[in-house]
């Protein structure tokens, strides 16, 4: 596969700060994310630190630092702590609401296709996906699963970007094998199950 057919992972990830961090173009941000997530995972999973106590102690330390900084600034005629404008804009709320609406509409569309249209293939896909999530969740706790996802997000995209041609060739072979197996299963079992539209035609 030539370079003209290569997928730009940076463009797929939005070409912003997240893409730079995930692809290690912003190596300081990627290293900070890796170190901080590893530290938090070690504190909560290995050292047995309580999450609520950790959050409370962090805010306690932050409040004390800001308080004494402001006091020292007033005594020494120094500038006050540079705090940003701590408010959420309406534009940010609207963007979040639009994103939530899109995901909820997709979920409702899937539910409609399963419950009303009786889409067997989609139902099997949803059941398989939920079973896979349940199985993976039984192997790790939630925090460890998040940590593994962070590690994968910092490694898989950059590896795929580097070895895209070889990975795509392997994926084509795997996809062809899956398609062949699916056609056999469809011809043996799934094609014999009457669809909802076929039932309605016979009823008419």
N, C-alpha and C. Protein backbone atom coordinates (compact mmCIF):
# COMPACT_ATOMS: atom_id res chain seq x y z
N UNK A 1 0.86 -1.20 0.00
CA UNK A 1 0.00 0.00 0.00
C UNK A 1 0.89 1.23 0.00
N UNK A 2 0.59 2.18 -0.88
CA UNK A 2 1.41 3.36 -1.02
C UNK A 2 1.12 4.38 0.05
N UNK A 3 1.98 5.39 0.08
CA UNK A 3 1.82 6.45 1.07
C UNK A 3 0.56 7.25 0.85
N UNK A 4 0.08 7.32 -0.43
CA UNK A 4 -1.13 8.09 -0.71
C UNK A 4 -2.36 7.47 -0.09
N UNK A 5 -2.31 6.15 0.21
CA UNK A 5 -3.46 5.45 0.78
C UNK A 5 -3.36 5.35 2.30
N UNK A 6 -2.33 5.87 2.89
CA UNK A 6 -2.17 5.79 4.34
C UNK A 6 -3.18 6.69 5.03
N UNK A 7 -3.67 6.20 6.17
CA UNK A 7 -4.62 6.96 6.96
C UNK A 7 -3.84 7.85 7.92
N UNK A 8 -4.21 9.11 7.97
CA UNK A 8 -3.57 10.04 8.90
C UNK A 8 -4.22 9.88 10.27
N UNK A 9 -3.51 9.22 11.19
CA UNK A 9 -4.03 9.02 12.54
C UNK A 9 -4.18 10.36 13.25
N UNK A 10 -3.26 11.26 12.99
CA UNK A 10 -3.32 12.58 13.61
C UNK A 10 -4.58 13.32 13.20
N UNK A 11 -4.98 13.18 11.92
CA UNK A 11 -6.20 13.83 11.45
C UNK A 11 -7.43 13.15 12.02
N UNK A 12 -7.41 11.82 12.13
CA UNK A 12 -8.55 11.10 12.70
C UNK A 12 -8.77 11.46 14.16
N UNK A 13 -7.71 11.77 14.88
CA UNK A 13 -7.82 12.12 16.29
C UNK A 13 -8.13 13.59 16.52
N UNK A 14 -8.33 14.35 15.44
CA UNK A 14 -8.76 15.73 15.58
C UNK A 14 -7.69 16.78 15.41
N UNK A 15 -6.43 16.37 15.24
CA UNK A 15 -5.31 17.29 15.00
C UNK A 15 -5.13 18.31 16.12
N UNK A 16 -5.61 18.02 17.29
CA UNK A 16 -5.48 18.95 18.41
C UNK A 16 -4.52 18.46 19.46
N UNK A 17 -4.71 18.94 20.68
CA UNK A 17 -3.83 18.57 21.78
C UNK A 17 -3.90 17.09 22.09
N UNK A 18 -5.12 16.51 22.03
CA UNK A 18 -5.27 15.08 22.32
C UNK A 18 -4.49 14.25 21.31
N UNK A 19 -4.57 14.61 20.04
CA UNK A 19 -3.83 13.87 19.01
C UNK A 19 -2.33 13.99 19.23
N UNK A 20 -1.87 15.18 19.59
CA UNK A 20 -0.43 15.37 19.84
C UNK A 20 0.04 14.54 21.02
N UNK A 21 -0.79 14.44 22.08
CA UNK A 21 -0.41 13.67 23.26
C UNK A 21 -0.42 12.18 22.96
N UNK A 22 -1.49 11.70 22.31
CA UNK A 22 -1.62 10.27 22.04
C UNK A 22 -0.53 9.77 21.11
N UNK A 23 -0.14 10.59 20.12
CA UNK A 23 0.89 10.19 19.17
C UNK A 23 2.29 10.62 19.61
N UNK A 24 2.42 11.11 20.84
CA UNK A 24 3.71 11.52 21.43
C UNK A 24 4.39 12.63 20.65
N UNK A 25 3.60 13.43 19.91
CA UNK A 25 4.18 14.63 19.30
C UNK A 25 4.40 15.69 20.37
N UNK A 26 3.49 15.74 21.34
CA UNK A 26 3.68 16.55 22.54
C UNK A 26 4.17 15.60 23.63
N UNK A 27 5.49 15.33 23.64
CA UNK A 27 6.01 14.28 24.51
C UNK A 27 5.94 14.68 25.98
N UNK A 28 5.96 15.97 26.26
CA UNK A 28 5.84 16.39 27.67
C UNK A 28 4.45 16.05 28.21
N UNK A 29 3.40 16.34 27.42
CA UNK A 29 2.05 16.00 27.85
C UNK A 29 1.84 14.50 27.96
N UNK A 30 2.38 13.74 26.99
CA UNK A 30 2.24 12.28 27.04
C UNK A 30 2.97 11.70 28.25
N UNK A 31 4.18 12.20 28.51
CA UNK A 31 4.93 11.72 29.67
C UNK A 31 4.24 12.09 30.97
N UNK A 32 3.69 13.31 31.03
CA UNK A 32 2.97 13.72 32.24
C UNK A 32 1.74 12.85 32.47
N UNK A 33 1.00 12.53 31.39
CA UNK A 33 -0.17 11.67 31.52
C UNK A 33 0.23 10.27 31.97
N UNK A 34 1.31 9.75 31.40
CA UNK A 34 1.76 8.41 31.77
C UNK A 34 2.22 8.35 33.22
N UNK A 35 3.02 9.34 33.64
CA UNK A 35 3.54 9.35 35.01
C UNK A 35 2.42 9.57 36.02
N UNK A 36 1.52 10.51 35.73
CA UNK A 36 0.44 10.79 36.68
C UNK A 36 -0.53 9.62 36.80
N UNK A 37 -0.88 9.00 35.67
CA UNK A 37 -1.79 7.85 35.74
C UNK A 37 -1.13 6.67 36.44
N UNK A 38 0.16 6.46 36.19
CA UNK A 38 0.87 5.38 36.88
C UNK A 38 0.95 5.64 38.37
N UNK A 39 1.20 6.89 38.75
CA UNK A 39 1.27 7.24 40.17
C UNK A 39 -0.06 7.05 40.86
N UNK A 40 -1.15 7.52 40.22
CA UNK A 40 -2.47 7.36 40.81
C UNK A 40 -2.86 5.90 40.92
N UNK A 41 -2.55 5.11 39.88
CA UNK A 41 -2.87 3.69 39.94
C UNK A 41 -2.10 3.00 41.06
N UNK A 42 -0.84 3.36 41.23
CA UNK A 42 -0.06 2.74 42.30
C UNK A 42 -0.60 3.15 43.67
N UNK A 43 -0.96 4.43 43.84
CA UNK A 43 -1.46 4.89 45.13
C UNK A 43 -2.77 4.19 45.52
N UNK A 44 -3.67 4.05 44.56
CA UNK A 44 -4.98 3.50 44.88
C UNK A 44 -5.02 1.98 44.87
N UNK A 45 -4.19 1.34 44.00
CA UNK A 45 -4.26 -0.10 43.88
C UNK A 45 -3.22 -0.83 44.73
N UNK A 46 -2.01 -0.31 44.82
CA UNK A 46 -0.94 -0.99 45.53
C UNK A 46 -0.74 -0.45 46.95
N UNK A 47 -0.75 0.87 47.09
CA UNK A 47 -0.53 1.45 48.41
C UNK A 47 -1.80 1.49 49.25
N UNK A 48 -2.96 1.23 48.64
CA UNK A 48 -4.22 1.20 49.38
C UNK A 48 -4.73 2.56 49.81
N UNK A 49 -4.33 3.60 49.09
CA UNK A 49 -4.78 4.95 49.43
C UNK A 49 -6.24 5.10 49.05
N UNK A 50 -7.01 5.80 49.90
CA UNK A 50 -8.43 6.00 49.66
C UNK A 50 -8.64 7.19 48.72
N UNK A 51 -9.52 7.01 47.73
CA UNK A 51 -9.73 8.04 46.72
C UNK A 51 -10.31 9.32 47.33
N UNK A 52 -11.28 9.18 48.22
CA UNK A 52 -11.90 10.35 48.83
C UNK A 52 -10.89 11.11 49.68
N UNK A 53 -10.07 10.38 50.43
CA UNK A 53 -9.03 11.04 51.23
C UNK A 53 -8.01 11.75 50.35
N UNK A 54 -7.66 11.12 49.23
CA UNK A 54 -6.69 11.73 48.31
C UNK A 54 -7.24 13.05 47.74
N UNK A 55 -8.49 13.04 47.29
CA UNK A 55 -9.09 14.25 46.73
C UNK A 55 -9.17 15.34 47.79
N UNK A 56 -9.60 14.96 49.01
CA UNK A 56 -9.72 15.95 50.08
C UNK A 56 -8.36 16.54 50.43
N UNK A 57 -7.32 15.72 50.49
CA UNK A 57 -5.99 16.21 50.82
C UNK A 57 -5.43 17.12 49.73
N UNK A 58 -5.71 16.79 48.47
CA UNK A 58 -5.25 17.64 47.37
C UNK A 58 -5.92 19.01 47.44
N UNK A 59 -7.22 19.04 47.64
CA UNK A 59 -7.92 20.33 47.76
C UNK A 59 -7.50 21.09 49.00
N UNK A 60 -7.25 20.37 50.11
CA UNK A 60 -6.77 21.01 51.33
C UNK A 60 -5.43 21.69 51.09
N UNK A 61 -4.51 20.97 50.44
CA UNK A 61 -3.21 21.55 50.14
C UNK A 61 -3.33 22.74 49.21
N UNK A 62 -4.20 22.64 48.21
CA UNK A 62 -4.38 23.73 47.26
C UNK A 62 -4.95 24.96 47.95
N UNK A 63 -5.94 24.78 48.82
CA UNK A 63 -6.55 25.91 49.53
C UNK A 63 -5.53 26.59 50.44
N UNK A 64 -4.73 25.78 51.15
CA UNK A 64 -3.72 26.35 52.04
C UNK A 64 -2.67 27.14 51.27
N UNK A 65 -2.24 26.58 50.13
CA UNK A 65 -1.23 27.27 49.31
C UNK A 65 -1.78 28.62 48.82
N UNK A 66 -3.02 28.61 48.31
CA UNK A 66 -3.62 29.86 47.81
C UNK A 66 -3.84 30.86 48.93
N UNK A 67 -4.24 30.39 50.11
CA UNK A 67 -4.49 31.30 51.23
C UNK A 67 -3.20 31.98 51.68
N UNK A 68 -2.15 31.19 51.91
CA UNK A 68 -0.89 31.78 52.37
C UNK A 68 -0.22 32.60 51.28
N UNK A 69 -0.41 32.23 50.02
CA UNK A 69 0.12 33.02 48.91
C UNK A 69 -0.55 34.39 48.89
N UNK A 70 -1.89 34.41 49.04
CA UNK A 70 -2.61 35.69 49.04
C UNK A 70 -2.21 36.54 50.24
N UNK A 71 -2.04 35.91 51.42
CA UNK A 71 -1.61 36.65 52.60
C UNK A 71 -0.21 37.25 52.42
N UNK A 72 0.71 36.42 51.91
CA UNK A 72 2.07 36.90 51.69
C UNK A 72 2.11 38.00 50.63
N UNK A 73 1.24 37.89 49.61
CA UNK A 73 1.21 38.91 48.56
C UNK A 73 0.72 40.24 49.09
N UNK A 74 -0.27 40.22 50.00
CA UNK A 74 -0.76 41.47 50.57
C UNK A 74 0.26 42.11 51.51
N UNK A 75 1.04 41.30 52.20
CA UNK A 75 2.05 41.84 53.12
C UNK A 75 3.25 42.37 52.36
N UNK A 76 3.70 41.65 51.35
CA UNK A 76 4.91 42.01 50.61
C UNK A 76 4.63 42.84 49.36
N UNK A 77 3.37 43.24 49.17
CA UNK A 77 2.98 44.02 47.99
C UNK A 77 3.33 43.29 46.68
N UNK A 78 3.00 42.03 46.66
CA UNK A 78 3.21 41.20 45.48
C UNK A 78 1.86 40.93 44.80
N UNK A 79 1.89 40.50 43.53
CA UNK A 79 0.61 40.20 42.86
C UNK A 79 -0.07 38.98 43.48
N UNK A 80 -1.39 38.96 43.43
CA UNK A 80 -2.17 37.86 43.96
C UNK A 80 -1.99 36.60 43.09
N UNK A 81 -2.39 35.44 43.60
CA UNK A 81 -2.28 34.21 42.80
C UNK A 81 -3.03 34.33 41.48
N UNK A 82 -2.40 33.93 40.38
CA UNK A 82 -3.05 34.06 39.05
C UNK A 82 -4.11 32.98 38.86
N UNK A 83 -5.32 33.23 39.31
CA UNK A 83 -6.41 32.27 39.15
C UNK A 83 -7.16 32.56 37.85
N UNK A 84 -7.50 31.52 37.09
CA UNK A 84 -8.28 31.74 35.86
C UNK A 84 -9.72 32.07 36.19
N UNK A 85 -10.45 32.44 35.16
CA UNK A 85 -11.88 32.74 35.31
C UNK A 85 -12.62 31.42 35.47
N UNK A 86 -12.99 31.09 36.72
CA UNK A 86 -13.54 29.77 37.02
C UNK A 86 -15.05 29.74 36.76
N UNK A 87 -15.41 29.61 35.50
CA UNK A 87 -16.81 29.45 35.13
C UNK A 87 -16.90 28.70 33.81
N UNK A 88 -18.01 28.01 33.62
CA UNK A 88 -18.24 27.24 32.41
C UNK A 88 -19.10 28.06 31.47
N UNK A 89 -18.62 28.23 30.25
CA UNK A 89 -19.35 29.05 29.29
C UNK A 89 -20.55 28.30 28.74
N UNK A 90 -21.51 29.07 28.22
CA UNK A 90 -22.70 28.47 27.62
C UNK A 90 -22.35 27.69 26.36
N UNK A 91 -21.32 28.14 25.65
CA UNK A 91 -20.90 27.43 24.44
C UNK A 91 -20.39 26.03 24.79
N UNK A 92 -19.62 25.92 25.89
CA UNK A 92 -19.12 24.62 26.31
C UNK A 92 -20.27 23.69 26.71
N UNK A 93 -21.23 24.22 27.45
CA UNK A 93 -22.41 23.43 27.85
C UNK A 93 -23.19 22.98 26.62
N UNK A 94 -23.33 23.85 25.63
CA UNK A 94 -24.07 23.49 24.41
C UNK A 94 -23.35 22.40 23.64
N UNK A 95 -22.02 22.47 23.54
CA UNK A 95 -21.27 21.44 22.83
C UNK A 95 -21.39 20.10 23.54
N UNK A 96 -21.29 20.11 24.86
CA UNK A 96 -21.43 18.85 25.62
C UNK A 96 -22.83 18.27 25.45
N UNK A 97 -23.85 19.14 25.51
CA UNK A 97 -25.22 18.68 25.34
C UNK A 97 -25.44 18.10 23.94
N UNK A 98 -24.86 18.71 22.91
CA UNK A 98 -24.99 18.18 21.55
C UNK A 98 -24.34 16.80 21.43
N UNK A 99 -23.15 16.65 22.04
CA UNK A 99 -22.46 15.36 21.98
C UNK A 99 -23.27 14.28 22.72
N UNK A 100 -23.81 14.64 23.89
CA UNK A 100 -24.63 13.68 24.64
C UNK A 100 -25.88 13.31 23.86
N UNK A 101 -26.50 14.29 23.19
CA UNK A 101 -27.70 14.03 22.40
C UNK A 101 -27.40 13.07 21.26
N UNK A 102 -26.26 13.24 20.59
CA UNK A 102 -25.90 12.34 19.48
C UNK A 102 -25.75 10.91 19.97
N UNK A 103 -25.03 10.72 21.09
CA UNK A 103 -24.81 9.37 21.62
C UNK A 103 -26.11 8.75 22.10
N UNK A 104 -26.97 9.54 22.74
CA UNK A 104 -28.25 9.01 23.21
C UNK A 104 -29.15 8.62 22.05
N UNK A 105 -29.16 9.43 20.97
CA UNK A 105 -29.96 9.09 19.80
C UNK A 105 -29.46 7.81 19.13
N UNK A 106 -28.13 7.62 19.10
CA UNK A 106 -27.59 6.38 18.54
C UNK A 106 -28.02 5.18 19.36
N UNK A 107 -27.95 5.31 20.69
CA UNK A 107 -28.37 4.20 21.56
C UNK A 107 -29.85 3.89 21.39
N UNK A 108 -30.68 4.94 21.29
CA UNK A 108 -32.11 4.73 21.10
C UNK A 108 -32.42 4.12 19.73
N UNK A 109 -31.63 4.48 18.72
CA UNK A 109 -31.82 3.88 17.39
C UNK A 109 -31.50 2.39 17.42
N UNK A 110 -30.42 2.02 18.12
CA UNK A 110 -30.07 0.60 18.25
C UNK A 110 -31.17 -0.14 19.00
N UNK A 111 -31.66 0.46 20.10
CA UNK A 111 -32.74 -0.17 20.87
C UNK A 111 -34.00 -0.33 20.02
N UNK A 112 -34.30 0.66 19.18
CA UNK A 112 -35.47 0.58 18.31
C UNK A 112 -35.31 -0.53 17.28
N UNK A 113 -34.12 -0.63 16.68
CA UNK A 113 -33.89 -1.68 15.68
C UNK A 113 -34.00 -3.08 16.29
N UNK A 114 -33.58 -3.22 17.55
CA UNK A 114 -33.63 -4.54 18.19
C UNK A 114 -35.06 -4.87 18.63
N UNK A 115 -35.72 -3.90 19.29
CA UNK A 115 -37.03 -4.18 19.88
C UNK A 115 -38.17 -4.13 18.86
N UNK A 116 -38.13 -3.17 17.94
CA UNK A 116 -39.24 -2.99 16.99
C UNK A 116 -38.97 -3.71 15.68
N UNK A 117 -37.80 -3.45 15.10
CA UNK A 117 -37.47 -4.07 13.81
C UNK A 117 -37.03 -5.52 13.94
N UNK A 118 -36.69 -5.94 15.18
CA UNK A 118 -36.25 -7.31 15.45
C UNK A 118 -35.05 -7.70 14.59
N UNK A 119 -34.05 -6.83 14.60
CA UNK A 119 -32.82 -7.07 13.84
C UNK A 119 -31.97 -8.07 14.61
N UNK A 120 -31.95 -9.31 14.16
CA UNK A 120 -31.26 -10.37 14.87
C UNK A 120 -29.75 -10.17 14.87
N UNK A 121 -29.20 -9.76 13.72
CA UNK A 121 -27.75 -9.58 13.63
C UNK A 121 -27.29 -8.47 14.57
N UNK A 122 -28.02 -7.36 14.59
CA UNK A 122 -27.66 -6.26 15.49
C UNK A 122 -27.80 -6.68 16.95
N UNK A 123 -28.83 -7.46 17.26
CA UNK A 123 -29.01 -7.96 18.62
C UNK A 123 -27.83 -8.84 19.04
N UNK A 124 -27.38 -9.72 18.15
CA UNK A 124 -26.24 -10.57 18.45
C UNK A 124 -24.97 -9.75 18.65
N UNK A 125 -24.81 -8.69 17.84
CA UNK A 125 -23.64 -7.83 17.99
C UNK A 125 -23.65 -7.11 19.34
N UNK A 126 -24.81 -6.58 19.74
CA UNK A 126 -24.92 -5.89 21.03
C UNK A 126 -24.68 -6.86 22.18
N UNK A 127 -25.30 -8.05 22.09
CA UNK A 127 -25.11 -9.06 23.14
C UNK A 127 -23.64 -9.46 23.24
N UNK A 128 -23.00 -9.67 22.10
CA UNK A 128 -21.58 -10.04 22.11
C UNK A 128 -20.71 -8.93 22.69
N UNK A 129 -21.01 -7.68 22.32
CA UNK A 129 -20.23 -6.56 22.86
C UNK A 129 -20.40 -6.41 24.36
N UNK A 130 -21.65 -6.52 24.83
CA UNK A 130 -21.90 -6.40 26.27
C UNK A 130 -21.29 -7.56 27.04
N UNK A 131 -21.34 -8.75 26.45
CA UNK A 131 -20.70 -9.90 27.10
C UNK A 131 -19.19 -9.71 27.20
N UNK A 132 -18.58 -9.18 26.12
CA UNK A 132 -17.14 -8.93 26.14
C UNK A 132 -16.77 -7.90 27.20
N UNK A 133 -17.57 -6.83 27.31
CA UNK A 133 -17.32 -5.82 28.34
C UNK A 133 -17.47 -6.42 29.73
N UNK A 134 -18.50 -7.26 29.92
CA UNK A 134 -18.71 -7.91 31.22
C UNK A 134 -17.55 -8.84 31.55
N UNK A 135 -17.07 -9.58 30.56
CA UNK A 135 -15.96 -10.51 30.79
C UNK A 135 -14.67 -9.77 31.14
N UNK A 136 -14.40 -8.69 30.39
CA UNK A 136 -13.20 -7.91 30.69
C UNK A 136 -13.32 -7.24 32.05
N UNK A 137 -14.52 -6.75 32.38
CA UNK A 137 -14.73 -6.13 33.68
C UNK A 137 -14.57 -7.08 34.84
N UNK A 138 -14.83 -8.37 34.61
CA UNK A 138 -14.64 -9.35 35.68
C UNK A 138 -13.17 -9.67 35.93
N UNK A 139 -12.32 -9.36 34.95
CA UNK A 139 -10.89 -9.64 35.12
C UNK A 139 -10.17 -8.53 35.86
N UNK A 140 -10.63 -7.29 35.74
CA UNK A 140 -9.97 -6.14 36.36
C UNK A 140 -11.01 -5.30 37.08
N UNK A 141 -10.56 -4.54 38.08
CA UNK A 141 -11.47 -3.56 38.66
C UNK A 141 -11.48 -2.30 37.78
N UNK A 142 -12.36 -1.37 38.11
CA UNK A 142 -12.61 -0.23 37.23
C UNK A 142 -11.37 0.64 37.06
N UNK A 143 -10.65 0.90 38.15
CA UNK A 143 -9.48 1.78 38.07
C UNK A 143 -8.37 1.14 37.25
N UNK A 144 -8.16 -0.16 37.44
CA UNK A 144 -7.14 -0.85 36.64
C UNK A 144 -7.52 -0.86 35.17
N UNK A 145 -8.81 -1.01 34.88
CA UNK A 145 -9.26 -0.99 33.50
C UNK A 145 -9.02 0.37 32.85
N UNK A 146 -9.28 1.45 33.59
CA UNK A 146 -9.00 2.79 33.07
C UNK A 146 -7.50 2.97 32.82
N UNK A 147 -6.68 2.49 33.74
CA UNK A 147 -5.23 2.60 33.58
C UNK A 147 -4.75 1.83 32.35
N UNK A 148 -5.31 0.63 32.14
CA UNK A 148 -4.93 -0.15 30.95
C UNK A 148 -5.36 0.58 29.68
N UNK A 149 -6.54 1.20 29.70
CA UNK A 149 -7.01 1.97 28.54
C UNK A 149 -6.08 3.15 28.25
N UNK A 150 -5.58 3.81 29.30
CA UNK A 150 -4.64 4.91 29.10
C UNK A 150 -3.34 4.41 28.48
N UNK A 151 -2.84 3.28 28.99
CA UNK A 151 -1.62 2.71 28.42
C UNK A 151 -1.80 2.32 26.97
N UNK A 152 -2.95 1.72 26.65
CA UNK A 152 -3.21 1.34 25.26
C UNK A 152 -3.36 2.55 24.36
N UNK A 153 -4.00 3.62 24.87
CA UNK A 153 -4.18 4.82 24.06
C UNK A 153 -2.85 5.53 23.81
N UNK A 154 -1.87 5.34 24.69
CA UNK A 154 -0.56 5.95 24.49
C UNK A 154 0.40 5.06 23.71
N UNK A 155 -0.03 3.83 23.38
CA UNK A 155 0.88 2.92 22.67
C UNK A 155 0.32 2.46 21.33
N UNK A 156 -0.95 2.04 21.29
CA UNK A 156 -1.49 1.48 20.05
C UNK A 156 -1.55 2.48 18.89
N UNK A 157 -2.05 3.72 19.09
CA UNK A 157 -2.09 4.65 17.94
C UNK A 157 -0.72 4.96 17.36
N UNK A 158 0.27 5.15 18.21
CA UNK A 158 1.60 5.49 17.69
C UNK A 158 2.23 4.28 17.00
N UNK A 159 1.96 3.06 17.51
CA UNK A 159 2.47 1.86 16.85
C UNK A 159 1.77 1.64 15.51
N UNK A 160 0.45 1.88 15.47
CA UNK A 160 -0.26 1.73 14.20
C UNK A 160 0.19 2.76 13.18
N UNK A 161 0.44 4.00 13.65
CA UNK A 161 0.92 5.04 12.76
C UNK A 161 2.29 4.67 12.16
N UNK A 162 3.09 3.94 12.92
CA UNK A 162 4.43 3.57 12.46
C UNK A 162 4.40 2.33 11.56
N UNK A 163 3.57 1.35 11.90
CA UNK A 163 3.53 0.08 11.16
C UNK A 163 2.17 -0.11 10.49
N UNK A 164 1.63 0.95 9.91
CA UNK A 164 0.28 0.92 9.36
C UNK A 164 0.15 -0.06 8.20
N UNK A 165 1.13 -0.11 7.31
CA UNK A 165 1.04 -0.99 6.15
C UNK A 165 0.95 -2.46 6.55
N UNK A 166 1.85 -2.88 7.47
CA UNK A 166 1.86 -4.27 7.90
C UNK A 166 0.59 -4.64 8.64
N UNK A 167 0.11 -3.72 9.50
CA UNK A 167 -1.12 -3.99 10.26
C UNK A 167 -2.32 -4.09 9.34
N UNK A 168 -2.41 -3.20 8.35
CA UNK A 168 -3.53 -3.23 7.42
C UNK A 168 -3.57 -4.53 6.62
N UNK A 169 -2.40 -5.02 6.22
CA UNK A 169 -2.35 -6.30 5.49
C UNK A 169 -2.88 -7.44 6.36
N UNK A 170 -2.46 -7.48 7.62
CA UNK A 170 -2.94 -8.53 8.52
C UNK A 170 -4.45 -8.40 8.76
N UNK A 171 -4.92 -7.17 8.92
CA UNK A 171 -6.35 -6.95 9.16
C UNK A 171 -7.19 -7.37 7.97
N UNK A 172 -6.67 -7.17 6.74
CA UNK A 172 -7.41 -7.61 5.55
C UNK A 172 -7.56 -9.12 5.54
N UNK A 173 -6.49 -9.82 5.90
CA UNK A 173 -6.56 -11.29 5.95
C UNK A 173 -7.56 -11.75 7.00
N UNK A 174 -7.51 -11.12 8.19
CA UNK A 174 -8.44 -11.48 9.26
C UNK A 174 -9.88 -11.16 8.87
N UNK A 175 -10.08 -10.01 8.24
CA UNK A 175 -11.43 -9.62 7.83
C UNK A 175 -11.98 -10.57 6.77
N UNK A 176 -11.13 -10.99 5.83
CA UNK A 176 -11.57 -11.95 4.82
C UNK A 176 -11.96 -13.28 5.44
N UNK A 177 -11.19 -13.73 6.44
CA UNK A 177 -11.52 -14.98 7.13
C UNK A 177 -12.85 -14.87 7.87
N UNK A 178 -13.05 -13.74 8.56
CA UNK A 178 -14.31 -13.54 9.29
C UNK A 178 -15.48 -13.49 8.33
N UNK A 179 -15.32 -12.80 7.19
CA UNK A 179 -16.40 -12.72 6.20
C UNK A 179 -16.76 -14.10 5.67
N UNK A 180 -15.74 -14.94 5.42
CA UNK A 180 -16.00 -16.29 4.92
C UNK A 180 -16.76 -17.12 5.94
N UNK A 181 -16.31 -17.05 7.21
CA UNK A 181 -17.01 -17.80 8.27
C UNK A 181 -18.43 -17.29 8.45
N UNK A 182 -18.61 -15.96 8.39
CA UNK A 182 -19.96 -15.40 8.57
C UNK A 182 -20.89 -15.84 7.45
N UNK A 183 -20.40 -15.89 6.22
CA UNK A 183 -21.25 -16.32 5.10
C UNK A 183 -21.68 -17.77 5.28
N UNK A 184 -20.77 -18.60 5.80
CA UNK A 184 -21.13 -19.99 6.04
C UNK A 184 -22.20 -20.09 7.13
N UNK A 185 -22.01 -19.35 8.23
CA UNK A 185 -22.99 -19.37 9.32
C UNK A 185 -24.32 -18.81 8.85
N UNK A 186 -24.26 -17.75 8.04
CA UNK A 186 -25.50 -17.12 7.54
C UNK A 186 -26.26 -18.08 6.64
N UNK A 187 -25.54 -18.79 5.76
CA UNK A 187 -26.22 -19.71 4.86
C UNK A 187 -26.77 -20.93 5.59
N UNK A 188 -26.12 -21.33 6.69
CA UNK A 188 -26.54 -22.53 7.41
C UNK A 188 -27.65 -22.24 8.43
N UNK A 189 -27.59 -21.07 9.10
CA UNK A 189 -28.52 -20.81 10.20
C UNK A 189 -29.33 -19.53 10.03
N UNK A 190 -28.63 -18.39 9.89
CA UNK A 190 -29.31 -17.10 9.95
C UNK A 190 -30.27 -16.89 8.78
N UNK A 191 -29.94 -17.40 7.61
CA UNK A 191 -30.82 -17.19 6.46
C UNK A 191 -32.14 -17.95 6.60
N UNK A 192 -32.18 -18.96 7.48
CA UNK A 192 -33.40 -19.74 7.66
C UNK A 192 -34.36 -19.10 8.64
N UNK A 193 -33.91 -18.04 9.36
CA UNK A 193 -34.78 -17.35 10.30
C UNK A 193 -35.56 -16.30 9.54
N UNK A 194 -36.90 -16.37 9.54
CA UNK A 194 -37.68 -15.38 8.78
C UNK A 194 -37.58 -14.01 9.41
N UNK A 195 -37.43 -12.98 8.58
CA UNK A 195 -37.35 -11.62 9.08
C UNK A 195 -38.74 -11.08 9.37
N UNK A 196 -38.79 -9.92 10.06
CA UNK A 196 -40.07 -9.31 10.42
C UNK A 196 -40.85 -8.88 9.18
N UNK A 197 -40.14 -8.32 8.19
CA UNK A 197 -40.83 -7.87 6.98
C UNK A 197 -41.42 -9.04 6.21
N UNK A 198 -40.72 -10.19 6.24
CA UNK A 198 -41.22 -11.36 5.54
C UNK A 198 -42.50 -11.88 6.22
N UNK A 199 -42.51 -11.84 7.55
CA UNK A 199 -43.71 -12.24 8.29
C UNK A 199 -44.89 -11.34 7.97
N UNK A 200 -44.62 -10.03 7.89
CA UNK A 200 -45.69 -9.08 7.61
C UNK A 200 -46.26 -9.30 6.22
N UNK A 201 -45.40 -9.62 5.24
CA UNK A 201 -45.87 -9.87 3.88
C UNK A 201 -46.76 -11.11 3.83
N UNK A 202 -46.36 -12.15 4.60
CA UNK A 202 -47.16 -13.36 4.60
C UNK A 202 -48.51 -13.13 5.29
N UNK A 203 -48.49 -12.27 6.33
CA UNK A 203 -49.72 -11.97 7.03
C UNK A 203 -50.70 -11.22 6.14
N UNK A 204 -50.17 -10.36 5.25
CA UNK A 204 -51.02 -9.61 4.34
C UNK A 204 -51.56 -10.51 3.23
